Amino acid sequence: MPRKLLLCLAAAAALTACKGESTAPTAAPATDAAPTAPGHAFSPEINADDFAELVKTLASDEFEGRSPGSKGEELTVNYIRDQMQRIGLQPGNGDSWFQDVAMTETTADESTVLKLDQAGKTRELTFGTDMVIGTRSGQPEVKVQDSDLVFVGYGVDAPEQKWNDYAGQDWKGKTVVMFVNDPGFHVNDEKLFDGKRMTYYGRWTYKFEEAARKGAAAALIVHDTAGASYGWDVVKNSWAGPQYDLPAKDDPEARLPAQGWLSAEAARQLFAEAGLDLDKAYKDASKRGFKPVPLKAKVSFDLKSTIAEKKSRNVVGVLPGSKRADEAVLYMAHWDHLGKHEGEQGDNIYNGAVDNATGVAGILEVADAMVHQQPAPERSVVFLAVTLEESGLLGSKYYVSHPTFPLDKIAGVINIDAMSVAGRAKDMTVTGFGSSELEDILKPLAANQGRTLRGETAVQSGFYFRSDHFNFAKAGVPALYADGGEDLREGGVEAGRKAAEDYGSHRYHGPKDEFDPATWKLDGTVEDLQLLYGVGKELAGGDRWPNWYEGNPFKAARDAMMKGKGAEAPAAESAR
């Protein structure tokens, strides 16, 4: 998902990283065939011609939009494997280039209703209009009967912020209701959390995870367009139809029996029947010392779902380190896109050239440079092309649960997701700017190109939490997500925003996201890759262990895993 889309991101993509309509992933037929690039001589240095050749192939109609489980998957993963072999990498998952990713497809019955018993009245909330609901349990039927509804503010337990919306109660069997985004967002309190900038605690995924950890029977988030950064139609459309997840056995996180959203209108009535004003509740929930409030209601439902087990594949290559091969730096990009939409008139192949053939080409270009650099990297360097990003970051989530290097042996992660093709920039956008000491390595490298680092524009949207590096971040591993810039050397900020808006309006998650040599300006893309290569080179050639900056919610997990390993060493103040 490109940072340049922050001003104009297609709303339908907002619930996951780059989620959009796609065909259901299934196991693809086995074959060793992969297209080759006859007549193109690759060189070891990062350059525009090699990058373009890789993107052109990955985004070709032949690859049919790279949908997981399709012919396009088979062509894609074999092509990536073949390129890794050409470059000189070794299989990165034991003796295999592939890592199978098992997954569960869950399709909720949309005739499901939530039955409310409140103030002596019984009423029903309907799917799509008043609420959406689903399960990650893998169970074909989930029943909840007469569960007490309790308002828990923003549903946050953040020890470093001295904030706990769940304090003082036993939550077993209860259904919690909460607001989206962070405490302080709706009242413009810049002193709470990170002000307008969404933190980890503001993401809807965190809220469901925390409710599960507390033992709740179900959780419902109150939708509002500003707080979510998308309208109710996005919620309704995204929760309808097949939903994908890892099987529970492959995912260590706690899961709720059921979870979903309430429309603003349904929530307002729910609060009113309990004698509460929804607008005032936003203010109350943003005050320190907030206490959970019973909604004087009970909820019951019988959620039936169709369950199917399927799979896809990650591709993993590794360059073994020359001195500390048991330690690693990891580059990653997602290879999947939205596939071929049968039945659509005209061009129905969603090629995904920018999103994310550019990222896959990027890690391959970096790999080629790493293999041929002298001196060779002292640490191992992993190159990971993951599947199912468009279905909720599932390929990277699986890898984090089944890593080829222990997470406490990974010094840092560099994620490349949808590179800029708008030309050279005076700046570089770091999504989640101010997160980790990996930025201390990037900053002087960018300065050598005459560039400055800046954060993303729409900080309230939480884009740091919507691409594959986030699964590593949650586990504690420092991760960098950066490329491009808004202030172009030709045309300035106005040209940068115009390019972003044009892509977002006309090509993003559509059939027109195709390789276009006539308009793509790859000189800037090459500069971005050189910087990201430089960060990995510095990290793989040294012995430092960058950490999260103080106050970051992921720091505690990193500190715990690195205790006694000397990980407190500061990041580089300047590039070698």
Protein backbone atom coordinates (compact mmCIF):
# COMPACT_ATOMS: atom_id res chain seq x y z
CA MET A 1 0.00 0.00 0.00
CA PRO A 2 1.71 3.21 -1.09
CA ARG A 3 2.15 6.02 1.37
CA LYS A 4 1.58 8.47 -1.49
CA LEU A 5 -2.08 7.50 -1.40
CA LEU A 6 -2.67 8.94 2.04
CA LEU A 7 -4.61 11.88 0.68
CA CYS A 8 -6.79 9.84 -1.61
CA LEU A 9 -6.67 6.23 -0.54
CA ALA A 10 -9.51 4.17 -1.91
CA ALA A 11 -11.82 3.64 1.04
CA ALA A 12 -12.46 0.01 0.23
CA ALA A 13 -8.86 -0.76 1.09
CA ALA A 14 -8.91 0.69 4.54
CA LEU A 15 -9.97 -2.22 6.73
CA THR A 16 -6.84 -4.25 6.10
CA ALA A 17 -3.58 -3.32 4.47
CA CYS A 18 -4.51 -3.30 0.79
CA LYS A 19 -7.65 -5.36 1.05
CA GLY A 20 -9.89 -5.50 -1.96
CA GLU A 21 -12.10 -7.84 -3.91
CA SER A 22 -10.28 -11.04 -4.76
CA THR A 23 -10.93 -14.58 -5.72
CA ALA A 24 -10.92 -17.18 -2.98
CA PRO A 25 -7.45 -18.64 -2.39
CA THR A 26 -7.15 -22.35 -2.99
CA ALA A 27 -4.29 -24.75 -3.44
CA ALA A 28 -2.77 -24.13 -6.88
CA PRO A 29 -1.81 -27.05 -9.11
CA ALA A 30 1.81 -28.07 -8.83
CA THR A 31 4.12 -27.19 -11.70
CA ASP A 32 7.72 -26.15 -12.13
CA ALA A 33 7.02 -23.87 -15.07
CA ALA A 34 7.90 -20.20 -14.66
CA PRO A 35 8.31 -17.57 -17.37
CA THR A 36 11.81 -16.46 -18.18
CA ALA A 37 13.13 -13.19 -19.52
CA PRO A 38 14.94 -14.09 -22.76
CA GLY A 39 17.25 -11.43 -24.04
CA HIS A 40 17.56 -9.47 -20.81
CA ALA A 41 20.98 -9.52 -19.14
CA PHE A 42 20.65 -8.68 -15.44
CA SER A 43 23.46 -6.80 -13.73
CA PRO A 44 24.29 -6.97 -10.01
CA GLU A 45 23.83 -3.28 -9.25
CA ILE A 46 20.45 -1.72 -8.57
CA ASN A 47 19.28 -0.16 -11.83
CA ALA A 48 16.12 0.91 -13.60
CA ASP A 49 16.34 -1.56 -16.51
CA ASP A 50 16.50 -4.64 -14.29
CA PHE A 51 13.79 -3.30 -12.01
CA ALA A 52 11.53 -2.60 -14.99
CA GLU A 53 12.06 -6.09 -16.42
CA LEU A 54 11.03 -7.71 -13.14
CA VAL A 55 7.94 -5.54 -12.75
CA LYS A 56 6.94 -6.00 -16.38
CA THR A 57 6.93 -9.78 -15.93
CA LEU A 58 5.23 -9.90 -12.54
CA ALA A 59 2.53 -7.44 -13.66
CA SER A 60 1.95 -9.04 -17.06
CA ASP A 61 -1.44 -10.34 -18.11
CA GLU A 62 0.11 -13.81 -18.18
CA PHE A 63 0.32 -13.71 -14.38
CA GLU A 64 -3.42 -12.91 -14.19
CA GLY A 65 -3.15 -10.49 -11.27
CA ARG A 66 -1.26 -12.88 -8.97
CA SER A 67 -4.27 -14.08 -7.02
CA PRO A 68 -3.44 -16.65 -4.32
CA GLY A 69 -4.49 -20.14 -5.29
CA SER A 70 -4.70 -19.40 -9.00
CA LYS A 71 -2.56 -20.11 -12.05
CA GLY A 72 -1.16 -16.67 -11.34
CA GLU A 73 0.16 -17.81 -7.97
CA GLU A 74 1.99 -20.74 -9.51
CA LEU A 75 3.64 -18.56 -12.15
CA THR A 76 4.50 -15.90 -9.58
CA VAL A 77 6.07 -18.02 -6.87
CA ASN A 78 8.09 -20.02 -9.39
CA TYR A 79 9.28 -16.83 -11.10
CA ILE A 80 10.40 -15.36 -7.77
CA ARG A 81 12.14 -18.65 -6.91
CA ASP A 82 13.90 -18.67 -10.28
CA GLN A 83 15.08 -15.09 -9.81
CA MET A 84 16.41 -15.89 -6.35
CA GLN A 85 18.30 -18.84 -7.81
CA ARG A 86 19.70 -16.67 -10.61
CA ILE A 87 20.88 -14.10 -8.11
CA GLY A 88 22.65 -16.72 -5.99
CA LEU A 89 20.47 -16.97 -2.91
CA GLN A 90 19.87 -20.27 -1.15
CA PRO A 91 16.51 -21.82 -0.23
CA GLY A 92 15.36 -20.00 2.91
CA ASN A 93 13.02 -22.56 4.49
CA GLY A 94 15.27 -25.50 5.14
CA ASP A 95 15.91 -27.03 1.73
CA SER A 96 12.79 -25.42 0.25
CA TRP A 97 12.14 -22.04 -1.37
CA PHE A 98 8.51 -22.19 -0.27
CA GLN A 99 6.58 -22.00 2.98
CA ASP A 100 3.02 -23.30 2.84
CA VAL A 101 0.52 -20.98 4.49
CA ALA A 102 -2.55 -22.82 5.69
CA MET A 103 -5.65 -20.68 5.98
CA THR A 104 -9.26 -20.80 7.00
CA GLU A 105 -12.01 -19.28 4.86
CA THR A 106 -15.04 -18.22 6.89
CA THR A 107 -18.26 -16.95 5.33
CA ALA A 108 -20.82 -15.68 7.83
CA ASP A 109 -24.53 -16.21 7.26
CA GLU A 110 -25.77 -12.70 6.53
CA SER A 111 -29.23 -13.55 7.83
CA THR A 112 -27.72 -13.45 11.33
CA VAL A 113 -29.37 -10.96 13.69
CA LEU A 114 -28.35 -9.60 17.07
CA LYS A 115 -31.27 -9.77 19.51
CA LEU A 116 -31.21 -7.02 22.14
CA ASP A 117 -33.17 -7.14 25.38
CA GLN A 118 -33.01 -3.64 26.84
CA ALA A 119 -35.28 -1.52 29.03
CA GLY A 120 -38.00 -4.12 28.79
CA LYS A 121 -37.92 -4.04 25.01
CA THR A 122 -36.72 -6.63 22.53
CA ARG A 123 -35.40 -5.61 19.13
CA GLU A 124 -33.21 -7.05 16.40
CA LEU A 125 -30.15 -5.58 14.68
CA THR A 126 -29.78 -6.75 11.08
CA PHE A 127 -26.59 -7.67 9.26
CA GLY A 128 -25.27 -4.93 6.98
CA THR A 129 -27.70 -2.25 8.08
CA ASP A 130 -27.25 -2.09 11.86
CA MET A 131 -24.21 -4.28 12.40
CA VAL A 132 -21.77 -6.77 10.91
CA ILE A 133 -20.47 -9.78 12.79
CA GLY A 134 -18.11 -12.67 12.17
CA THR A 135 -15.91 -15.22 13.86
CA ARG A 136 -12.23 -16.12 13.72
CA SER A 137 -12.75 -19.26 15.77
CA GLY A 138 -13.06 -21.63 12.81
CA GLN A 139 -16.34 -22.87 14.27
CA PRO A 140 -19.37 -23.30 11.98
CA GLU A 141 -21.70 -22.11 14.75
CA VAL A 142 -21.17 -19.64 17.59
CA LYS A 143 -24.00 -19.05 20.06
CA VAL A 144 -24.12 -16.26 22.61
CA GLN A 145 -27.11 -16.09 24.95
CA ASP A 146 -28.09 -13.20 27.22
CA SER A 147 -24.62 -11.68 27.34
CA ASP A 148 -24.34 -8.42 29.30
CA LEU A 149 -23.37 -5.47 27.11
CA VAL A 150 -20.76 -3.18 28.68
CA PHE A 151 -19.27 0.00 27.23
CA VAL A 152 -15.47 -0.03 27.64
CA GLY A 153 -14.57 3.34 26.13
CA TYR A 154 -11.82 2.82 23.57
CA GLY A 155 -11.10 -0.75 24.68
CA VAL A 156 -7.48 0.06 25.48
CA ASP A 157 -5.09 -1.42 28.04
CA ALA A 158 -1.84 0.53 27.61
CA PRO A 159 0.43 0.25 30.65
CA GLU A 160 3.00 2.72 29.31
CA GLN A 161 0.18 5.27 28.94
CA LYS A 162 -1.18 4.41 32.39
CA TRP A 163 -4.52 3.66 30.74
CA ASN A 164 -6.79 0.64 31.23
CA ASP A 165 -10.40 0.70 30.06
CA TYR A 166 -10.91 -2.83 31.40
CA ALA A 167 -9.70 -2.34 34.96
CA GLY A 168 -11.56 -3.86 37.86
CA GLN A 169 -13.96 -6.31 36.22
CA ASP A 170 -14.26 -9.95 35.19
CA TRP A 171 -15.13 -9.98 31.49
CA LYS A 172 -15.94 -13.64 31.01
CA GLY A 173 -19.25 -14.04 29.18
CA LYS A 174 -19.72 -10.31 28.57
CA THR A 175 -19.96 -8.46 25.25
CA VAL A 176 -17.88 -5.29 25.17
CA VAL A 177 -18.76 -2.21 23.13
CA MET A 178 -16.04 0.31 22.26
CA PHE A 179 -15.02 3.24 20.07
CA VAL A 180 -12.58 3.07 17.18
CA ASN A 181 -9.28 5.05 17.21
CA ASP A 182 -7.45 6.31 20.31
CA PRO A 183 -8.55 8.08 23.47
CA GLY A 184 -8.42 11.78 22.73
CA PHE A 185 -9.04 11.50 19.00
CA HIS A 186 -12.66 12.58 19.01
CA VAL A 187 -12.08 15.47 21.46
CA ASN A 188 -8.89 16.74 19.81
CA ASP A 189 -6.80 16.24 22.94
CA GLU A 190 -3.18 16.33 21.78
CA LYS A 191 -2.01 15.33 25.27
CA LEU A 192 -3.57 11.87 25.05
CA PHE A 193 -1.60 9.12 23.33
CA ASP A 194 -0.18 10.63 20.10
CA GLY A 195 -2.88 13.19 19.50
CA LYS A 196 -4.30 12.87 15.99
CA ARG A 197 -1.74 10.27 15.02
CA MET A 198 -3.26 6.83 15.42
CA THR A 199 -1.32 4.46 17.64
CA TYR A 200 -1.40 0.68 17.74
CA TYR A 201 -4.23 0.93 20.26
CA GLY A 202 -6.46 2.76 17.80
CA ARG A 203 -6.61 -0.08 15.27
CA TRP A 204 -9.75 -2.19 15.25
CA THR A 205 -7.63 -5.33 15.09
CA TYR A 206 -5.94 -4.48 18.40
CA LYS A 207 -9.29 -3.83 20.06
CA PHE A 208 -10.61 -7.27 19.19
CA GLU A 209 -7.35 -8.90 20.27
CA GLU A 210 -7.42 -7.11 23.63
CA ALA A 211 -11.05 -8.06 24.23
CA ALA A 212 -10.10 -11.67 23.55
CA ARG A 213 -7.22 -11.48 26.01
CA LYS A 214 -9.65 -10.19 28.63
CA GLY A 215 -11.93 -13.19 28.06
CA ALA A 216 -14.97 -11.45 26.57
CA ALA A 217 -17.63 -13.45 24.78
CA ALA A 218 -17.88 -10.93 21.93
CA ALA A 219 -16.85 -7.39 21.00
CA LEU A 220 -18.54 -4.67 18.96
CA ILE A 221 -16.88 -1.48 17.71
CA VAL A 222 -18.98 1.64 17.22
CA HIS A 223 -18.37 2.95 13.73
CA ASP A 224 -17.78 6.59 12.93
CA THR A 225 -16.33 7.80 9.65
CA ALA A 226 -13.73 10.18 11.09
CA GLY A 227 -12.39 7.72 13.64
CA ALA A 228 -12.25 4.78 11.25
CA SER A 229 -11.20 6.88 8.21
CA TYR A 230 -13.80 5.12 6.07
CA GLY A 231 -17.59 4.99 5.82
CA TRP A 232 -20.06 2.36 6.93
CA ASP A 233 -20.31 1.03 3.38
CA VAL A 234 -16.67 -0.06 3.61
CA VAL A 235 -17.35 -1.94 6.83
CA LYS A 236 -20.44 -3.58 5.37
CA ASN A 237 -18.76 -4.59 2.10
CA SER A 238 -15.56 -5.79 3.71
CA TRP A 239 -17.26 -8.03 6.26
CA ALA A 240 -19.62 -9.58 3.74
CA GLY A 241 -18.56 -12.70 1.86
CA PRO A 242 -15.51 -14.90 2.52
CA GLN A 243 -13.07 -13.78 5.22
CA TYR A 244 -9.61 -15.30 5.52
CA ASP A 245 -7.52 -16.07 8.55
CA LEU A 246 -4.83 -18.43 9.72
CA PRO A 247 -6.07 -21.60 11.38
CA ALA A 248 -6.24 -21.06 15.13
CA LYS A 249 -3.50 -23.65 15.67
CA ASP A 250 -1.08 -21.54 13.60
CA ASP A 251 -1.84 -18.26 15.36
CA PRO A 252 -0.78 -17.70 18.99
CA GLU A 253 -3.09 -14.71 19.53
CA ALA A 254 -6.23 -15.04 21.62
CA ARG A 255 -9.45 -15.00 19.57
CA LEU A 256 -12.95 -13.90 20.38
CA PRO A 257 -15.85 -16.26 19.71
CA ALA A 258 -17.44 -13.39 17.73
CA GLN A 259 -16.58 -9.81 16.79
CA GLY A 260 -18.06 -7.04 14.69
CA TRP A 261 -19.19 -3.46 14.29
CA LEU A 262 -22.24 -1.38 15.16
CA SER A 263 -23.43 1.39 12.87
CA ALA A 264 -23.46 4.86 14.40
CA GLU A 265 -27.26 4.91 14.30
CA ALA A 266 -27.61 1.55 16.03
CA ALA A 267 -25.08 2.59 18.67
CA ARG A 268 -26.83 5.89 19.32
CA GLN A 269 -30.11 4.08 20.00
CA LEU A 270 -28.36 1.48 22.17
CA PHE A 271 -26.81 4.20 24.31
CA ALA A 272 -30.04 6.20 24.49
CA GLU A 273 -32.01 3.19 25.73
CA ALA A 274 -29.42 2.88 28.51
CA GLY A 275 -29.93 6.54 29.45
CA LEU A 276 -26.64 7.64 27.89
CA ASP A 277 -25.81 10.25 25.30
CA LEU A 278 -23.40 8.95 22.64
CA ASP A 279 -21.74 12.34 22.08
CA LYS A 280 -21.10 12.72 25.81
CA ALA A 281 -19.78 9.16 25.92
CA TYR A 282 -17.03 10.13 23.48
CA LYS A 283 -15.97 12.88 25.88
CA ASP A 284 -16.18 10.69 28.97
CA ALA A 285 -14.17 7.89 27.35
CA SER A 286 -11.35 10.35 26.65
CA LYS A 287 -10.84 11.22 30.32
CA ARG A 288 -8.26 9.51 32.48
CA GLY A 289 -9.87 7.29 35.04
CA PHE A 290 -12.75 6.27 32.76
CA LYS A 291 -14.68 3.31 34.18
CA PRO A 292 -16.67 0.73 32.18
CA VAL A 293 -20.38 1.51 31.92
CA PRO A 294 -23.08 -1.20 31.79
CA LEU A 295 -25.48 -0.61 28.89
CA LYS A 296 -28.35 -2.26 30.76
CA ALA A 297 -28.86 -4.65 27.90
CA LYS A 298 -28.34 -8.29 27.02
CA VAL A 299 -27.46 -9.58 23.56
CA SER A 300 -28.09 -12.99 22.01
CA PHE A 301 -27.23 -14.38 18.59
CA ASP A 302 -26.70 -17.62 16.70
CA LEU A 303 -23.91 -17.03 14.18
CA LYS A 304 -23.61 -19.72 11.53
CA SER A 305 -20.67 -19.72 9.09
CA THR A 306 -19.38 -21.83 6.22
CA ILE A 307 -15.80 -22.97 6.90
CA ALA A 308 -13.23 -24.15 4.34
CA GLU A 309 -9.52 -24.95 4.73
CA LYS A 310 -7.18 -23.70 1.97
CA LYS A 311 -3.54 -22.73 1.45
CA SER A 312 -1.07 -20.49 -0.38
CA ARG A 313 2.73 -20.00 -0.25
CA ASN A 314 5.43 -17.59 0.87
CA VAL A 315 8.74 -17.59 -1.03
CA VAL A 316 11.90 -17.43 1.09
CA GLY A 317 15.53 -17.01 -0.02
CA VAL A 318 18.57 -16.38 2.15
CA LEU A 319 22.11 -15.07 1.75
CA PRO A 320 24.06 -16.75 4.59
CA GLY A 321 26.19 -14.40 6.67
CA SER A 322 29.96 -14.60 6.49
CA LYS A 323 30.55 -14.31 10.25
CA ARG A 324 27.27 -14.41 12.21
CA ALA A 325 25.07 -16.54 10.01
CA ASP A 326 22.69 -17.25 12.90
CA GLU A 327 21.68 -13.56 12.96
CA ALA A 328 19.62 -11.99 10.21
CA VAL A 329 18.30 -8.89 8.51
CA LEU A 330 15.02 -9.41 6.68
CA TYR A 331 13.67 -7.73 3.53
CA MET A 332 10.08 -8.39 2.60
CA ALA A 333 7.37 -7.60 0.05
CA HIS A 334 3.99 -9.14 -0.68
CA TRP A 335 3.61 -10.82 -4.07
CA ASP A 336 -0.18 -11.24 -4.13
CA HIS A 337 -2.74 -8.97 -5.73
CA LEU A 338 -6.42 -9.12 -6.68
CA GLY A 339 -6.34 -11.56 -9.59
CA LYS A 340 -8.64 -11.88 -12.56
CA HIS A 341 -12.26 -10.81 -12.09
CA GLU A 342 -14.27 -13.17 -14.24
CA GLY A 343 -17.48 -11.66 -15.55
CA GLU A 344 -16.26 -8.07 -15.63
CA GLN A 345 -16.43 -6.45 -19.04
CA GLY A 346 -13.29 -5.10 -20.66
CA ASP A 347 -9.92 -5.46 -18.91
CA ASN A 348 -10.64 -7.67 -15.93
CA ILE A 349 -7.05 -8.43 -14.86
CA TYR A 350 -5.94 -6.53 -11.78
CA ASN A 351 -2.23 -6.55 -12.59
CA GLY A 352 -0.95 -4.86 -9.42
CA ALA A 353 2.13 -3.30 -11.02
CA VAL A 354 2.76 -0.68 -8.35
CA ASP A 355 0.96 -2.72 -5.68
CA ASN A 356 3.09 -4.75 -5.34
CA ALA A 357 5.16 -5.98 -8.27
CA THR A 358 7.39 -3.00 -7.48
CA GLY A 359 8.03 -4.29 -3.97
CA VAL A 360 8.94 -7.79 -5.15
CA ALA A 361 11.21 -6.35 -7.83
CA GLY A 362 12.70 -4.15 -5.13
CA ILE A 363 13.73 -6.95 -2.80
CA LEU A 364 15.15 -8.91 -5.75
CA GLU A 365 17.25 -5.91 -6.82
CA VAL A 366 18.49 -5.50 -3.25
CA ALA A 367 19.26 -9.22 -3.09
CA ASP A 368 21.37 -9.02 -6.26
CA ALA A 369 23.36 -6.13 -4.82
CA MET A 370 23.84 -7.92 -1.48
CA VAL A 371 25.08 -11.14 -3.09
CA HIS A 372 27.74 -9.25 -5.07
CA GLN A 373 28.84 -6.71 -2.44
CA GLN A 374 32.30 -6.76 -0.90
CA PRO A 375 32.81 -7.37 1.90
CA ALA A 376 29.99 -9.87 2.12
CA PRO A 377 27.32 -9.32 4.79
CA GLU A 378 28.39 -10.64 8.18
CA ARG A 379 24.82 -11.42 9.15
CA SER A 380 22.49 -13.50 7.02
CA VAL A 381 20.00 -11.60 4.88
CA VAL A 382 16.54 -13.08 4.33
CA PHE A 383 14.42 -12.11 1.32
CA LEU A 384 10.77 -12.92 1.96
CA ALA A 385 7.97 -12.61 -0.60
CA VAL A 386 4.72 -13.16 1.29
CA THR A 387 1.23 -14.10 0.20
CA LEU A 388 -2.22 -12.98 1.33
CA GLU A 389 -1.39 -9.40 2.25
CA GLU A 390 -4.54 -8.32 0.48
CA SER A 391 -6.52 -10.72 2.68
CA GLY A 392 -5.28 -9.30 5.97
CA LEU A 393 -1.45 -9.66 6.19
CA LEU A 394 -1.80 -13.43 6.57
CA GLY A 395 1.41 -14.58 4.86
CA SER A 396 3.60 -12.40 7.05
CA LYS A 397 1.54 -13.32 10.10
CA TYR A 398 2.21 -17.00 9.39
CA TYR A 399 5.92 -16.36 8.92
CA VAL A 400 6.15 -14.55 12.25
CA SER A 401 4.55 -17.59 13.90
CA HIS A 402 6.88 -19.94 11.97
CA PRO A 403 10.05 -17.90 11.35
CA THR A 404 13.06 -19.34 9.57
CA PHE A 405 15.24 -17.38 12.02
CA PRO A 406 14.23 -16.90 15.67
CA LEU A 407 12.73 -13.45 16.10
CA ASP A 408 15.35 -12.54 18.70
CA LYS A 409 17.97 -13.21 16.01
CA ILE A 410 16.44 -10.79 13.49
CA ALA A 411 18.12 -7.40 13.85
CA GLY A 412 15.54 -5.56 11.78
CA VAL A 413 12.91 -5.80 9.04
CA ILE A 414 12.66 -3.64 5.90
CA ASN A 415 9.29 -3.77 4.16
CA ILE A 416 8.78 -2.64 0.56
CA ASP A 417 5.13 -2.18 -0.36
CA ALA A 418 4.15 -0.21 -3.50
CA MET A 419 7.12 1.89 -4.53
CA SER A 420 6.87 5.39 -5.92
CA VAL A 421 7.31 5.70 -9.70
CA ALA A 422 6.77 9.48 -9.72
CA GLY A 423 10.45 10.46 -9.93
CA ARG A 424 13.20 11.76 -7.67
CA ALA A 425 12.17 13.46 -4.44
CA LYS A 426 13.75 15.84 -1.96
CA ASP A 427 12.30 13.89 0.93
CA MET A 428 11.51 10.31 1.90
CA THR A 429 8.29 9.26 3.55
CA VAL A 430 8.69 7.04 6.61
CA THR A 431 5.33 5.61 7.57
CA GLY A 432 5.15 5.47 11.34
CA PHE A 433 7.90 8.10 11.52
CA GLY A 434 9.53 8.18 14.95
CA SER A 435 9.03 4.47 15.67
CA SER A 436 12.44 2.80 15.77
CA GLU A 437 16.18 3.30 15.67
CA LEU A 438 16.26 1.93 12.14
CA GLU A 439 15.47 5.52 11.20
CA ASP A 440 18.83 6.53 12.72
CA ILE A 441 20.51 4.40 10.07
CA LEU A 442 18.31 5.70 7.26
CA LYS A 443 18.63 9.40 8.08
CA PRO A 444 22.31 9.96 7.17
CA LEU A 445 21.96 7.82 4.06
CA ALA A 446 19.07 10.00 2.93
CA ALA A 447 21.11 13.12 3.72
CA ASN A 448 23.82 11.84 1.38
CA GLN A 449 21.19 11.98 -1.38
CA GLY A 450 20.21 15.47 -0.31
CA ARG A 451 16.95 14.22 1.20
CA THR A 452 15.15 14.57 4.51
CA LEU A 453 12.88 12.12 6.31
CA ARG A 454 9.25 12.95 6.95
CA GLY A 455 6.21 11.15 8.24
CA GLU A 456 3.07 10.28 6.32
CA THR A 457 0.46 12.97 5.83
CA ALA A 458 -2.70 11.29 7.13
CA VAL A 459 -1.33 10.26 10.53
CA GLN A 460 -4.83 9.61 11.88
CA SER A 461 -5.34 6.68 9.50
CA GLY A 462 -2.76 4.35 11.08
CA PHE A 463 -1.11 3.19 7.87
CA TYR A 464 1.86 1.82 9.78
CA PHE A 465 -0.44 -0.94 10.98
CA ARG A 466 -1.73 -1.89 7.51
CA SER A 467 1.21 -3.55 5.80
CA ASP A 468 3.16 -6.74 6.41
CA HIS A 469 5.92 -5.34 8.61
CA PHE A 470 3.26 -4.78 11.28
CA ASN A 471 3.18 -8.47 12.20
CA PHE A 472 6.90 -8.28 13.01
CA ALA A 473 6.34 -5.05 14.92
CA LYS A 474 3.63 -6.63 17.08
CA ALA A 475 6.06 -9.42 17.91
CA GLY A 476 8.66 -6.79 18.90
CA VAL A 477 11.01 -6.87 15.91
CA PRO A 478 11.93 -3.32 14.74
CA ALA A 479 10.57 -2.70 11.25
CA LEU A 480 11.05 0.08 8.69
CA TYR A 481 8.41 1.03 6.13
CA ALA A 482 9.66 3.82 3.86
CA ASP A 483 10.00 4.95 0.27
CA GLY A 484 9.34 7.76 -2.13
CA GLY A 485 8.54 11.27 -1.09
CA GLU A 486 5.99 13.98 -1.63
CA ASP A 487 8.29 16.87 -2.53
CA LEU A 488 9.41 15.93 -6.05
CA ARG A 489 12.51 17.51 -7.56
CA GLU A 490 10.44 18.24 -10.65
CA GLY A 491 7.27 20.04 -9.62
CA GLY A 492 7.59 19.99 -5.83
CA VAL A 493 4.85 19.03 -3.39
CA GLU A 494 2.09 19.94 -5.82
CA ALA A 495 3.40 17.44 -8.39
CA GLY A 496 3.88 14.76 -5.74
CA ARG A 497 0.32 15.07 -4.47
CA LYS A 498 -1.07 15.18 -7.99
CA ALA A 499 0.73 11.94 -8.84
CA ALA A 500 -0.60 10.29 -5.69
CA GLU A 501 -4.14 11.44 -6.32
CA ASP A 502 -4.02 10.29 -9.92
CA TYR A 503 -2.85 6.82 -8.94
CA GLY A 504 -5.36 6.57 -6.13
CA SER A 505 -8.26 7.68 -8.30
CA HIS A 506 -7.50 5.81 -11.51
CA ARG A 507 -5.27 2.79 -10.89
CA TYR A 508 -5.10 1.74 -7.23
CA HIS A 509 -6.72 -1.69 -6.80
CA GLY A 510 -8.03 -1.55 -10.33
CA PRO A 511 -7.18 -3.07 -13.72
CA LYS A 512 -5.23 0.04 -14.77
CA ASP A 513 -2.44 -0.55 -12.24
CA GLU A 514 -0.16 -1.74 -15.04
CA PHE A 515 3.49 -1.32 -15.90
CA ASP A 516 3.79 1.87 -17.94
CA PRO A 517 7.29 2.62 -19.27
CA ALA A 518 6.00 5.78 -20.95
CA THR A 519 5.09 7.53 -17.68
CA TRP A 520 7.06 5.79 -14.93
CA LYS A 521 10.08 7.74 -13.68
CA LEU A 522 12.34 5.10 -12.20
CA ASP A 523 15.29 7.32 -11.32
CA GLY A 524 13.57 8.09 -8.02
CA THR A 525 12.68 4.44 -7.48
CA VAL A 526 16.34 3.50 -7.86
CA GLU A 527 17.34 6.13 -5.30
CA ASP A 528 14.77 4.75 -2.86
CA LEU A 529 16.09 1.22 -3.32
CA GLN A 530 19.65 2.40 -2.81
CA LEU A 531 18.65 3.87 0.54
CA LEU A 532 16.81 0.75 1.66
CA TYR A 533 19.74 -1.37 0.50
CA GLY A 534 22.04 0.91 2.51
CA VAL A 535 20.07 0.34 5.70
CA GLY A 536 20.31 -3.42 5.31
CA LYS A 537 23.97 -3.26 4.38
CA GLU A 538 24.75 -1.27 7.51
CA LEU A 539 22.75 -3.58 9.71
CA ALA A 540 24.04 -6.82 8.16
CA GLY A 541 27.63 -5.62 8.28
CA GLY A 542 27.66 -4.67 11.96
CA ASP A 543 26.67 -6.05 15.34
CA ARG A 544 24.19 -3.48 16.61
CA TRP A 545 20.61 -4.27 17.56
CA PRO A 546 18.30 -1.33 16.89
CA ASN A 547 15.32 -1.05 19.20
CA TRP A 548 12.05 0.82 19.23
CA TYR A 549 12.19 4.37 20.51
CA GLU A 550 11.22 4.95 24.13
CA GLY A 551 7.45 5.04 24.56
CA ASN A 552 6.71 2.89 21.54
CA PRO A 553 4.16 0.15 22.40
CA PHE A 554 6.30 -2.56 20.76
CA LYS A 555 9.42 -1.83 22.81
CA ALA A 556 8.41 -3.96 25.78
CA ALA A 557 8.17 -7.07 23.59
CA ARG A 558 11.60 -6.40 22.08
CA ASP A 559 13.15 -5.71 25.47
CA ALA A 560 11.77 -8.97 26.82
CA MET A 561 13.01 -11.11 23.93
CA MET A 562 16.45 -9.46 23.88
CA LYS A 563 17.09 -9.44 27.62
CA GLY A 564 20.69 -10.38 28.25
CA LYS A 565 21.65 -10.29 24.55
CA GLY A 566 23.24 -6.86 24.53
CA ALA A 567 20.42 -5.44 22.45
CA GLU A 568 20.58 -2.15 24.25
CA ALA A 569 23.43 -1.04 21.98
CA PRO A 570 22.38 2.15 20.15
CA ALA A 571 21.82 2.26 16.43
CA ALA A 572 24.39 3.80 14.14
CA GLU A 573 24.66 7.57 14.31
CA SER A 574 25.94 7.63 10.75
CA ALA A 575 26.25 5.25 7.86
CA ARG A 576 29.52 3.52 7.20
